[in-house]
Amino acid sequence: MRRSHTTGSLLLTLALFVWAGMVVGISFLEAPLKFTAPHITVPLGLGIGRIVFAALNKAELALGILAVVSAFYLRVPKRVGTGLGVLSTILLAQTFWLLPALDVRATAVLAGSTAPPGFLHMLYIGLEVLKLVFLLLTGTWAHGWALQVACQRTSAPEPRVPHRLTL
């Protein structure tokens, strides 16, 4: 197996699974648990959340770019490319539409106004669940494909036995 292919496969798989771990750790553990801590008010929780999710989004963009560039370089199978396409679409929608809209809402609450209940937060949670599923699937597909390619490249071809003519 070529060294560059091994490195690219490792970067792709690592980016997807580290990204999945960050989503689990922040979106599904830190975010809901912070409001159960003593003395955390809604404004304080929103302030912390804005900072944490902005940082998470930057890390996700970096990992997403790393995954897409690695996949492009490796010429991955269609299902891995499709998974990355779904992930990129979700991430871009969150980055350029949902997070700014939720930030406006959080800013209004921090300023003292009461924001009416909206569907954006539930949509964000739904997309986080979908994103996590696709991160795990795409990471598993990429890893399986990389192992398959590695096995094909390292297995020695069967020796050729010259054909003997017998009279």
N, C-alpha and C. Protein backbone atom coordinates (compact mmCIF):
# COMPACT_ATOMS: atom_id res chain seq x y z
N MET A 1 0.85 -1.18 0.00
CA MET A 1 0.00 0.00 0.00
C MET A 1 0.89 1.24 0.00
N ARG A 2 0.57 2.18 -0.85
CA ARG A 2 1.35 3.41 -0.89
C ARG A 2 1.20 4.16 0.41
N ARG A 3 2.28 4.79 0.83
CA ARG A 3 2.29 5.53 2.09
C ARG A 3 1.28 6.68 2.06
N SER A 4 1.16 7.37 0.92
CA SER A 4 0.22 8.50 0.84
C SER A 4 -1.23 8.03 0.96
N HIS A 5 -1.53 6.85 0.42
CA HIS A 5 -2.89 6.32 0.54
C HIS A 5 -3.19 5.96 1.98
N THR A 6 -2.20 5.38 2.65
CA THR A 6 -2.37 5.03 4.06
C THR A 6 -2.61 6.27 4.90
N THR A 7 -1.83 7.30 4.67
CA THR A 7 -1.98 8.56 5.41
C THR A 7 -3.33 9.20 5.12
N GLY A 8 -3.73 9.24 3.86
CA GLY A 8 -5.02 9.82 3.50
C GLY A 8 -6.18 9.06 4.11
N SER A 9 -6.10 7.73 4.08
CA SER A 9 -7.16 6.91 4.68
C SER A 9 -7.26 7.14 6.18
N LEU A 10 -6.09 7.24 6.82
CA LEU A 10 -6.06 7.48 8.25
C LEU A 10 -6.66 8.85 8.58
N LEU A 11 -6.30 9.87 7.81
CA LEU A 11 -6.84 11.22 8.04
C LEU A 11 -8.35 11.26 7.85
N LEU A 12 -8.84 10.60 6.82
CA LEU A 12 -10.28 10.58 6.55
C LEU A 12 -11.03 9.90 7.70
N THR A 13 -10.59 8.72 8.07
CA THR A 13 -11.25 7.98 9.14
C THR A 13 -11.15 8.72 10.47
N LEU A 14 -9.98 9.23 10.76
CA LEU A 14 -9.77 9.97 12.01
C LEU A 14 -10.65 11.21 12.07
N ALA A 15 -10.71 11.97 10.98
CA ALA A 15 -11.53 13.18 10.95
C ALA A 15 -12.99 12.86 11.23
N LEU A 16 -13.51 11.80 10.62
CA LEU A 16 -14.92 11.46 10.80
C LEU A 16 -15.23 10.99 12.22
N PHE A 17 -14.36 10.17 12.80
CA PHE A 17 -14.65 9.65 14.13
C PHE A 17 -14.35 10.67 15.23
N VAL A 18 -13.36 11.52 15.04
CA VAL A 18 -13.13 12.60 16.02
C VAL A 18 -14.30 13.58 15.97
N TRP A 19 -14.76 13.90 14.77
CA TRP A 19 -15.92 14.76 14.59
C TRP A 19 -17.13 14.17 15.30
N ALA A 20 -17.37 12.86 15.12
CA ALA A 20 -18.50 12.21 15.79
C ALA A 20 -18.37 12.31 17.31
N GLY A 21 -17.17 12.11 17.82
CA GLY A 21 -16.94 12.21 19.26
C GLY A 21 -17.21 13.61 19.79
N MET A 22 -16.84 14.62 19.01
CA MET A 22 -17.09 16.00 19.44
C MET A 22 -18.59 16.29 19.46
N VAL A 23 -19.31 15.81 18.49
CA VAL A 23 -20.77 16.02 18.44
C VAL A 23 -21.43 15.35 19.65
N VAL A 24 -21.03 14.12 19.95
CA VAL A 24 -21.59 13.43 21.12
C VAL A 24 -21.25 14.19 22.39
N GLY A 25 -19.98 14.55 22.54
CA GLY A 25 -19.52 15.19 23.77
C GLY A 25 -20.15 16.55 24.02
N ILE A 26 -20.32 17.32 22.98
CA ILE A 26 -20.83 18.68 23.18
C ILE A 26 -22.34 18.75 23.00
N SER A 27 -22.84 18.28 21.88
CA SER A 27 -24.27 18.42 21.60
C SER A 27 -25.15 17.56 22.49
N PHE A 28 -24.68 16.35 22.80
CA PHE A 28 -25.54 15.43 23.54
C PHE A 28 -25.17 15.26 25.00
N LEU A 29 -24.01 15.76 25.42
CA LEU A 29 -23.64 15.69 26.83
C LEU A 29 -23.54 17.07 27.47
N GLU A 30 -22.63 17.90 26.96
CA GLU A 30 -22.37 19.20 27.59
C GLU A 30 -23.59 20.11 27.54
N ALA A 31 -24.20 20.24 26.37
CA ALA A 31 -25.30 21.20 26.21
C ALA A 31 -26.46 20.94 27.17
N PRO A 32 -27.00 19.73 27.22
CA PRO A 32 -28.13 19.54 28.14
C PRO A 32 -27.70 19.53 29.62
N LEU A 33 -26.50 19.03 29.89
CA LEU A 33 -26.08 18.92 31.29
C LEU A 33 -25.73 20.26 31.94
N LYS A 34 -25.31 21.23 31.15
CA LYS A 34 -24.90 22.50 31.75
C LYS A 34 -26.05 23.18 32.50
N PHE A 35 -27.28 22.95 32.05
CA PHE A 35 -28.42 23.58 32.71
C PHE A 35 -28.81 22.87 34.00
N THR A 36 -28.21 21.71 34.27
CA THR A 36 -28.50 21.01 35.52
C THR A 36 -27.50 21.37 36.62
N ALA A 37 -26.46 22.11 36.25
CA ALA A 37 -25.45 22.50 37.24
C ALA A 37 -26.04 23.54 38.19
N PRO A 38 -25.63 23.51 39.46
CA PRO A 38 -26.15 24.49 40.41
C PRO A 38 -25.75 25.91 40.01
N HIS A 39 -26.66 26.83 40.19
CA HIS A 39 -26.45 28.26 39.98
C HIS A 39 -26.28 28.67 38.51
N ILE A 40 -26.57 27.75 37.57
CA ILE A 40 -26.52 28.13 36.16
C ILE A 40 -27.91 28.64 35.76
N THR A 41 -27.95 29.90 35.41
CA THR A 41 -29.20 30.51 34.97
C THR A 41 -29.33 30.34 33.46
N VAL A 42 -30.51 30.60 32.95
CA VAL A 42 -30.71 30.50 31.50
C VAL A 42 -29.79 31.47 30.76
N PRO A 43 -29.69 32.75 31.18
CA PRO A 43 -28.76 33.63 30.47
C PRO A 43 -27.31 33.16 30.53
N LEU A 44 -26.87 32.66 31.67
CA LEU A 44 -25.50 32.17 31.79
C LEU A 44 -25.30 30.93 30.90
N GLY A 45 -26.25 30.01 30.92
CA GLY A 45 -26.18 28.83 30.06
C GLY A 45 -26.16 29.18 28.59
N LEU A 46 -26.99 30.16 28.20
CA LEU A 46 -27.00 30.61 26.80
C LEU A 46 -25.67 31.25 26.41
N GLY A 47 -25.11 32.03 27.31
CA GLY A 47 -23.82 32.66 27.03
C GLY A 47 -22.72 31.63 26.83
N ILE A 48 -22.69 30.64 27.70
CA ILE A 48 -21.71 29.56 27.57
C ILE A 48 -21.96 28.77 26.28
N GLY A 49 -23.22 28.46 26.03
CA GLY A 49 -23.58 27.70 24.83
C GLY A 49 -23.18 28.38 23.54
N ARG A 50 -23.36 29.68 23.47
CA ARG A 50 -22.97 30.43 22.27
C ARG A 50 -21.47 30.29 22.01
N ILE A 51 -20.68 30.39 23.06
CA ILE A 51 -19.22 30.28 22.91
C ILE A 51 -18.83 28.85 22.52
N VAL A 52 -19.40 27.87 23.21
CA VAL A 52 -19.04 26.46 22.96
C VAL A 52 -19.47 26.04 21.55
N PHE A 53 -20.69 26.39 21.14
CA PHE A 53 -21.14 25.97 19.82
C PHE A 53 -20.43 26.71 18.69
N ALA A 54 -19.99 27.93 18.92
CA ALA A 54 -19.19 28.63 17.91
C ALA A 54 -17.84 27.92 17.74
N ALA A 55 -17.24 27.51 18.85
CA ALA A 55 -15.97 26.78 18.77
C ALA A 55 -16.16 25.42 18.13
N LEU A 56 -17.23 24.72 18.51
CA LEU A 56 -17.51 23.41 17.91
C LEU A 56 -17.69 23.56 16.40
N ASN A 57 -18.41 24.58 15.98
CA ASN A 57 -18.66 24.78 14.55
C ASN A 57 -17.36 24.99 13.79
N LYS A 58 -16.44 25.75 14.35
CA LYS A 58 -15.14 25.97 13.69
C LYS A 58 -14.36 24.65 13.58
N ALA A 59 -14.39 23.87 14.65
CA ALA A 59 -13.71 22.57 14.63
C ALA A 59 -14.37 21.63 13.62
N GLU A 60 -15.70 21.66 13.55
CA GLU A 60 -16.42 20.82 12.59
C GLU A 60 -16.07 21.21 11.16
N LEU A 61 -15.99 22.50 10.90
CA LEU A 61 -15.62 22.95 9.56
C LEU A 61 -14.22 22.46 9.19
N ALA A 62 -13.29 22.54 10.11
CA ALA A 62 -11.92 22.08 9.85
C ALA A 62 -11.90 20.57 9.59
N LEU A 63 -12.60 19.81 10.43
CA LEU A 63 -12.64 18.36 10.25
C LEU A 63 -13.38 17.97 8.96
N GLY A 64 -14.44 18.71 8.64
CA GLY A 64 -15.17 18.46 7.40
C GLY A 64 -14.31 18.71 6.17
N ILE A 65 -13.56 19.80 6.20
CA ILE A 65 -12.66 20.10 5.08
C ILE A 65 -11.59 19.02 4.96
N LEU A 66 -11.02 18.61 6.09
CA LEU A 66 -10.02 17.55 6.08
C LEU A 66 -10.59 16.26 5.50
N ALA A 67 -11.80 15.91 5.89
CA ALA A 67 -12.43 14.68 5.39
C ALA A 67 -12.70 14.77 3.89
N VAL A 68 -13.24 15.89 3.44
CA VAL A 68 -13.57 16.03 2.01
C VAL A 68 -12.31 16.05 1.16
N VAL A 69 -11.28 16.77 1.59
CA VAL A 69 -10.02 16.81 0.83
C VAL A 69 -9.38 15.42 0.78
N SER A 70 -9.37 14.72 1.91
CA SER A 70 -8.82 13.36 1.94
C SER A 70 -9.59 12.44 1.00
N ALA A 71 -10.91 12.52 1.05
CA ALA A 71 -11.75 11.67 0.21
C ALA A 71 -11.55 11.97 -1.27
N PHE A 72 -11.43 13.26 -1.60
CA PHE A 72 -11.20 13.65 -2.99
C PHE A 72 -9.86 13.09 -3.47
N TYR A 73 -8.84 13.22 -2.64
CA TYR A 73 -7.51 12.73 -2.98
C TYR A 73 -7.52 11.21 -3.16
N LEU A 74 -8.25 10.51 -2.31
CA LEU A 74 -8.27 9.05 -2.32
C LEU A 74 -9.20 8.46 -3.37
N ARG A 75 -10.11 9.26 -3.90
CA ARG A 75 -11.13 8.78 -4.83
C ARG A 75 -11.93 7.64 -4.19
N VAL A 76 -12.60 7.99 -3.12
CA VAL A 76 -13.35 7.01 -2.32
C VAL A 76 -14.56 6.49 -3.08
N PRO A 77 -15.12 5.37 -2.63
CA PRO A 77 -16.33 4.85 -3.28
C PRO A 77 -17.52 5.80 -3.14
N LYS A 78 -18.52 5.56 -3.96
CA LYS A 78 -19.68 6.45 -4.03
C LYS A 78 -20.38 6.62 -2.69
N ARG A 79 -20.56 5.54 -1.92
CA ARG A 79 -21.29 5.68 -0.66
C ARG A 79 -20.55 6.57 0.34
N VAL A 80 -19.22 6.53 0.34
CA VAL A 80 -18.45 7.41 1.22
C VAL A 80 -18.62 8.86 0.75
N GLY A 81 -18.56 9.06 -0.56
CA GLY A 81 -18.76 10.40 -1.11
C GLY A 81 -20.16 10.93 -0.84
N THR A 82 -21.15 10.08 -0.94
CA THR A 82 -22.53 10.48 -0.65
C THR A 82 -22.68 10.85 0.82
N GLY A 83 -22.10 10.04 1.70
CA GLY A 83 -22.12 10.36 3.14
C GLY A 83 -21.49 11.70 3.42
N LEU A 84 -20.36 11.97 2.78
CA LEU A 84 -19.69 13.26 2.97
C LEU A 84 -20.53 14.41 2.40
N GLY A 85 -21.25 14.14 1.33
CA GLY A 85 -22.14 15.16 0.77
C GLY A 85 -23.27 15.51 1.73
N VAL A 86 -23.86 14.49 2.34
CA VAL A 86 -24.93 14.73 3.33
C VAL A 86 -24.36 15.50 4.52
N LEU A 87 -23.20 15.07 5.01
CA LEU A 87 -22.58 15.75 6.15
C LEU A 87 -22.26 17.20 5.83
N SER A 88 -21.72 17.44 4.64
CA SER A 88 -21.39 18.81 4.24
C SER A 88 -22.63 19.68 4.15
N THR A 89 -23.72 19.12 3.62
CA THR A 89 -24.97 19.87 3.51
C THR A 89 -25.51 20.25 4.88
N ILE A 90 -25.50 19.29 5.80
CA ILE A 90 -25.97 19.57 7.16
C ILE A 90 -25.10 20.63 7.82
N LEU A 91 -23.78 20.46 7.72
CA LEU A 91 -22.87 21.39 8.37
C LEU A 91 -23.01 22.80 7.79
N LEU A 92 -23.13 22.91 6.49
CA LEU A 92 -23.27 24.24 5.88
C LEU A 92 -24.61 24.88 6.25
N ALA A 93 -25.67 24.09 6.32
CA ALA A 93 -26.97 24.63 6.75
C ALA A 93 -26.90 25.12 8.19
N GLN A 94 -26.23 24.36 9.04
CA GLN A 94 -26.09 24.78 10.43
C GLN A 94 -25.22 26.04 10.53
N THR A 95 -24.14 26.07 9.78
CA THR A 95 -23.19 27.19 9.86
C THR A 95 -23.78 28.49 9.36
N PHE A 96 -24.45 28.44 8.22
CA PHE A 96 -24.88 29.69 7.57
C PHE A 96 -26.34 30.04 7.78
N TRP A 97 -27.12 29.13 8.37
CA TRP A 97 -28.53 29.45 8.59
C TRP A 97 -28.95 29.21 10.04
N LEU A 98 -28.83 27.97 10.52
CA LEU A 98 -29.37 27.66 11.84
C LEU A 98 -28.62 28.33 12.99
N LEU A 99 -27.31 28.21 13.02
CA LEU A 99 -26.57 28.83 14.14
C LEU A 99 -26.74 30.35 14.18
N PRO A 100 -26.68 31.05 13.05
CA PRO A 100 -26.95 32.50 13.13
C PRO A 100 -28.37 32.81 13.62
N ALA A 101 -29.35 32.03 13.17
CA ALA A 101 -30.73 32.26 13.61
C ALA A 101 -30.88 31.98 15.10
N LEU A 102 -30.26 30.91 15.58
CA LEU A 102 -30.32 30.59 17.00
C LEU A 102 -29.54 31.62 17.83
N ASP A 103 -28.49 32.17 17.25
CA ASP A 103 -27.71 33.20 17.94
C ASP A 103 -28.53 34.48 18.12
N VAL A 104 -29.30 34.84 17.10
CA VAL A 104 -30.18 36.01 17.21
C VAL A 104 -31.20 35.78 18.32
N ARG A 105 -31.73 34.59 18.37
CA ARG A 105 -32.70 34.24 19.41
C ARG A 105 -32.07 34.30 20.79
N ALA A 106 -30.85 33.73 20.94
CA ALA A 106 -30.15 33.76 22.23
C ALA A 106 -29.82 35.19 22.64
N THR A 107 -29.43 36.02 21.69
CA THR A 107 -29.12 37.42 21.98
C THR A 107 -30.36 38.15 22.49
N ALA A 108 -31.51 37.86 21.90
CA ALA A 108 -32.76 38.47 22.34
C ALA A 108 -33.10 38.06 23.76
N VAL A 109 -32.92 36.79 24.08
CA VAL A 109 -33.19 36.31 25.44
C VAL A 109 -32.21 36.95 26.42
N LEU A 110 -30.95 37.05 26.03
CA LEU A 110 -29.94 37.67 26.90
C LEU A 110 -30.24 39.16 27.13
N ALA A 111 -30.89 39.80 26.15
CA ALA A 111 -31.24 41.21 26.28
C ALA A 111 -32.50 41.41 27.11
N GLY A 112 -33.13 40.30 27.50
CA GLY A 112 -34.28 40.41 28.38
C GLY A 112 -35.62 40.16 27.73
N SER A 113 -35.67 40.00 26.43
CA SER A 113 -36.96 39.73 25.80
C SER A 113 -37.25 38.23 25.87
N THR A 114 -38.50 37.91 25.83
CA THR A 114 -38.88 36.50 25.84
C THR A 114 -39.17 36.07 24.41
N ALA A 115 -38.35 35.17 23.93
CA ALA A 115 -38.52 34.68 22.57
C ALA A 115 -39.61 33.61 22.57
N PRO A 116 -40.52 33.69 21.61
CA PRO A 116 -41.56 32.66 21.54
C PRO A 116 -40.93 31.31 21.17
N PRO A 117 -41.57 30.25 21.58
CA PRO A 117 -41.03 28.94 21.22
C PRO A 117 -40.93 28.81 19.70
N GLY A 118 -39.86 28.23 19.26
CA GLY A 118 -39.65 28.08 17.82
C GLY A 118 -39.22 26.67 17.47
N PHE A 119 -39.26 26.38 16.20
CA PHE A 119 -38.90 25.05 15.73
C PHE A 119 -37.41 24.92 15.45
N LEU A 120 -36.67 26.04 15.41
CA LEU A 120 -35.26 26.00 15.02
C LEU A 120 -34.41 25.14 15.95
N HIS A 121 -34.66 25.23 17.24
CA HIS A 121 -33.87 24.45 18.18
C HIS A 121 -34.12 22.95 17.99
N MET A 122 -35.36 22.57 17.79
CA MET A 122 -35.68 21.16 17.56
C MET A 122 -35.11 20.69 16.21
N LEU A 123 -35.14 21.56 15.22
CA LEU A 123 -34.54 21.23 13.93
C LEU A 123 -33.04 21.02 14.07
N TYR A 124 -32.39 21.88 14.86
CA TYR A 124 -30.95 21.75 15.09
C TYR A 124 -30.64 20.40 15.76
N ILE A 125 -31.42 20.04 16.75
CA ILE A 125 -31.22 18.75 17.45
C ILE A 125 -31.42 17.59 16.48
N GLY A 126 -32.46 17.67 15.66
CA GLY A 126 -32.71 16.62 14.67
C GLY A 126 -31.56 16.49 13.68
N LEU A 127 -31.03 17.62 13.24
CA LEU A 127 -29.89 17.58 12.32
C LEU A 127 -28.64 17.04 13.01
N GLU A 128 -28.49 17.32 14.30
CA GLU A 128 -27.35 16.77 15.05
C GLU A 128 -27.43 15.24 15.11
N VAL A 129 -28.64 14.72 15.33
CA VAL A 129 -28.83 13.26 15.36
C VAL A 129 -28.51 12.68 13.99
N LEU A 130 -29.05 13.29 12.94
CA LEU A 130 -28.80 12.82 11.58
C LEU A 130 -27.31 12.91 11.25
N LYS A 131 -26.68 14.00 11.66
CA LYS A 131 -25.25 14.19 11.40
C LYS A 131 -24.44 13.09 12.10
N LEU A 132 -24.78 12.79 13.34
CA LEU A 132 -24.06 11.75 14.07
C LEU A 132 -24.21 10.39 13.38
N VAL A 133 -25.41 10.07 12.94
CA VAL A 133 -25.64 8.81 12.23
C VAL A 133 -24.77 8.75 10.98
N PHE A 134 -24.74 9.82 10.21
CA PHE A 134 -23.95 9.83 8.98
C PHE A 134 -22.45 9.86 9.26
N LEU A 135 -22.02 10.49 10.34
CA LEU A 135 -20.61 10.45 10.71
C LEU A 135 -20.17 9.02 11.01
N LEU A 136 -20.98 8.32 11.78
CA LEU A 136 -20.64 6.94 12.14
C LEU A 136 -20.70 6.01 10.93
N LEU A 137 -21.74 6.16 10.11
CA LEU A 137 -21.85 5.33 8.90
C LEU A 137 -20.71 5.61 7.93
N THR A 138 -20.49 6.87 7.63
CA THR A 138 -19.46 7.24 6.65
C THR A 138 -18.08 6.86 7.16
N GLY A 139 -17.83 7.06 8.45
CA GLY A 139 -16.55 6.65 9.03
C GLY A 139 -16.35 5.15 8.93
N THR A 140 -17.40 4.39 9.19
CA THR A 140 -17.32 2.93 9.09
C THR A 140 -17.09 2.49 7.65
N TRP A 141 -17.81 3.11 6.71
CA TRP A 141 -17.61 2.79 5.29
C TRP A 141 -16.20 3.13 4.84
N ALA A 142 -15.71 4.30 5.23
CA ALA A 142 -14.37 4.72 4.83
C ALA A 142 -13.31 3.79 5.41
N HIS A 143 -13.49 3.42 6.66
CA HIS A 143 -12.52 2.52 7.30
C HIS A 143 -12.54 1.14 6.64
N GLY A 144 -13.72 0.61 6.38
CA GLY A 144 -13.83 -0.69 5.72
C GLY A 144 -13.20 -0.67 4.34
N TRP A 145 -13.46 0.39 3.59
CA TRP A 145 -12.88 0.52 2.25
C TRP A 145 -11.36 0.61 2.34
N ALA A 146 -10.84 1.40 3.29
CA ALA A 146 -9.39 1.53 3.43
C ALA A 146 -8.74 0.19 3.77
N LEU A 147 -9.39 -0.58 4.64
CA LEU A 147 -8.86 -1.91 4.98
C LEU A 147 -8.87 -2.83 3.77
N GLN A 148 -9.94 -2.77 3.01
CA GLN A 148 -10.04 -3.60 1.81
C GLN A 148 -8.93 -3.25 0.82
N VAL A 149 -8.71 -1.97 0.60
CA VAL A 149 -7.65 -1.53 -0.32
C VAL A 149 -6.29 -1.96 0.21
N ALA A 150 -6.08 -1.83 1.51
CA ALA A 150 -4.80 -2.22 2.10
C ALA A 150 -4.55 -3.71 1.92
N CYS A 151 -5.58 -4.52 2.13
CA CYS A 151 -5.42 -5.97 1.97
C CYS A 151 -5.14 -6.34 0.52
N GLN A 152 -5.79 -5.67 -0.41
CA GLN A 152 -5.58 -5.95 -1.83
C GLN A 152 -4.17 -5.59 -2.25
N ARG A 153 -3.65 -4.50 -1.71
CA ARG A 153 -2.32 -4.03 -2.12
C ARG A 153 -1.19 -4.78 -1.45
N THR A 154 -1.45 -5.36 -0.30
CA THR A 154 -0.37 -6.06 0.40
C THR A 154 -0.35 -7.54 0.12
N SER A 155 -1.44 -8.09 -0.40
CA SER A 155 -1.44 -9.52 -0.69
C SER A 155 -0.62 -9.77 -1.95
N ALA A 156 0.24 -10.75 -1.86
CA ALA A 156 1.10 -11.08 -3.00
C ALA A 156 0.29 -11.81 -4.05
N PRO A 157 0.56 -11.54 -5.29
CA PRO A 157 -0.17 -12.26 -6.34
C PRO A 157 0.23 -13.74 -6.32
N GLU A 158 -0.69 -14.55 -6.73
CA GLU A 158 -0.39 -15.98 -6.77
C GLU A 158 0.70 -16.21 -7.80
N PRO A 159 1.65 -17.12 -7.46
CA PRO A 159 2.75 -17.37 -8.41
C PRO A 159 2.22 -18.05 -9.66
N ARG A 160 2.85 -17.70 -10.76
CA ARG A 160 2.46 -18.31 -12.03
C ARG A 160 3.23 -19.60 -12.21
N VAL A 161 2.50 -20.60 -12.52
CA VAL A 161 3.12 -21.90 -12.78
C VAL A 161 3.12 -22.09 -14.29
N PRO A 162 4.31 -22.24 -14.84
CA PRO A 162 4.34 -22.43 -16.30
C PRO A 162 3.61 -23.71 -16.69
N HIS A 163 2.93 -23.61 -17.78
CA HIS A 163 2.18 -24.77 -18.26
C HIS A 163 3.18 -25.75 -18.89
N ARG A 164 3.07 -27.02 -18.49
CA ARG A 164 3.95 -28.04 -19.06
C ARG A 164 3.18 -28.86 -20.09
N LEU A 165 3.82 -29.02 -21.16
CA LEU A 165 3.26 -29.89 -22.18
C LEU A 165 3.78 -31.30 -21.97
N THR A 166 2.90 -32.20 -21.92
CA THR A 166 3.35 -33.60 -21.80
C THR A 166 3.02 -34.35 -23.07
N LEU A 167 3.92 -35.16 -23.46
CA LEU A 167 3.70 -35.93 -24.69
C LEU A 167 3.40 -37.33 -24.37
